[in-house]
Protein backbone atom coordinates (compact mmCIF):
# COMPACT_ATOMS: atom_id res chain seq x y z
CA MET A 1 40.02 -45.54 -37.65
CA ASP A 2 41.12 -41.96 -37.10
CA LEU A 3 43.29 -39.81 -34.85
CA ARG A 4 40.38 -39.01 -32.57
CA ASN A 5 40.14 -42.70 -31.66
CA GLY A 6 43.78 -43.11 -30.63
CA PHE A 7 45.43 -43.70 -34.01
CA ASP A 8 49.08 -42.67 -33.74
CA ILE A 9 49.97 -41.34 -37.18
CA LYS A 10 53.55 -40.61 -36.12
CA ARG A 11 54.39 -44.31 -36.02
CA TYR A 12 53.79 -44.46 -39.78
CA ILE A 13 56.20 -41.61 -40.59
CA ARG A 14 59.85 -42.60 -40.80
CA THR A 15 62.47 -40.24 -39.40
CA ILE A 16 65.85 -40.10 -41.11
CA PRO A 17 68.44 -38.29 -38.98
CA ASP A 18 71.09 -36.02 -40.50
CA TYR A 19 69.49 -35.83 -43.94
CA PRO A 20 70.23 -33.86 -46.05
CA LYS A 21 72.56 -32.16 -43.56
CA PRO A 22 73.79 -33.02 -40.07
CA GLY A 23 71.31 -31.93 -37.41
CA ILE A 24 68.23 -32.17 -39.64
CA LEU A 25 65.53 -34.79 -39.08
CA PHE A 26 63.91 -35.64 -42.41
CA ARG A 27 60.32 -36.91 -42.13
CA ASP A 28 59.66 -39.51 -44.81
CA ILE A 29 55.92 -39.93 -45.43
CA THR A 30 56.26 -42.70 -48.02
CA THR A 31 55.84 -45.18 -45.17
CA LEU A 32 52.54 -43.48 -44.31
CA LEU A 33 51.37 -43.44 -47.92
CA SER A 34 52.13 -47.13 -48.37
CA ASP A 35 49.98 -48.17 -45.40
CA LEU A 36 46.25 -48.45 -46.11
CA HIS A 37 45.08 -47.52 -42.61
CA GLY A 38 47.69 -44.81 -42.12
CA PHE A 39 46.91 -43.14 -45.44
CA ARG A 40 43.16 -43.30 -44.81
CA ALA A 41 43.56 -41.79 -41.33
CA ALA A 42 45.71 -38.96 -42.72
CA VAL A 43 43.17 -38.12 -45.42
CA ASP A 44 40.26 -38.31 -42.97
CA GLU A 45 41.99 -35.95 -40.55
CA LEU A 46 42.83 -33.45 -43.29
CA ALA A 47 39.26 -33.47 -44.60
CA TRP A 48 37.43 -33.45 -41.25
CA PRO A 49 37.49 -29.66 -40.59
CA PHE A 50 36.02 -28.94 -44.03
CA LEU A 51 33.20 -31.49 -44.25
CA ARG A 52 30.48 -28.93 -43.56
CA GLY A 53 31.93 -26.36 -45.94
CA ASN A 54 30.85 -25.71 -49.48
CA ILE A 55 34.08 -26.69 -51.26
CA ASP A 56 34.21 -27.26 -55.00
CA TYR A 57 37.95 -27.76 -55.56
CA VAL A 58 41.03 -28.84 -53.63
CA ALA A 59 44.52 -27.81 -54.76
CA GLY A 60 47.69 -29.70 -53.85
CA ILE A 61 50.51 -27.17 -54.03
CA GLU A 62 53.58 -29.42 -53.87
CA ALA A 63 54.48 -32.97 -54.88
CA ARG A 64 53.08 -34.75 -51.82
CA GLY A 65 50.14 -32.35 -51.80
CA PHE A 66 48.97 -33.81 -55.10
CA ILE A 67 48.73 -37.24 -53.49
CA LEU A 68 46.82 -36.06 -50.43
CA GLY A 69 44.79 -33.36 -52.20
CA GLY A 70 43.38 -35.83 -54.69
CA ALA A 71 42.40 -38.45 -52.12
CA ARG A 72 38.80 -38.63 -51.03
CA GLY A 73 37.96 -37.93 -47.39
CA PRO A 74 35.25 -39.44 -45.14
């Protein structure tokens, strides 16, 4: 299951209005990370453009990047 086959990843990302300040919509991806199919689709979509490349290392620059950067793609 991936985004190319109609998977709507947005339905797995919770929106919290007015956090941390009024007028800001905070996107909480913990709901995506806790769903097996949602997490797999996110990782697949991030990896897809690089499958034919010669990549030895992946770096996750911020806290959530460590979770997604360490996951294995397709």
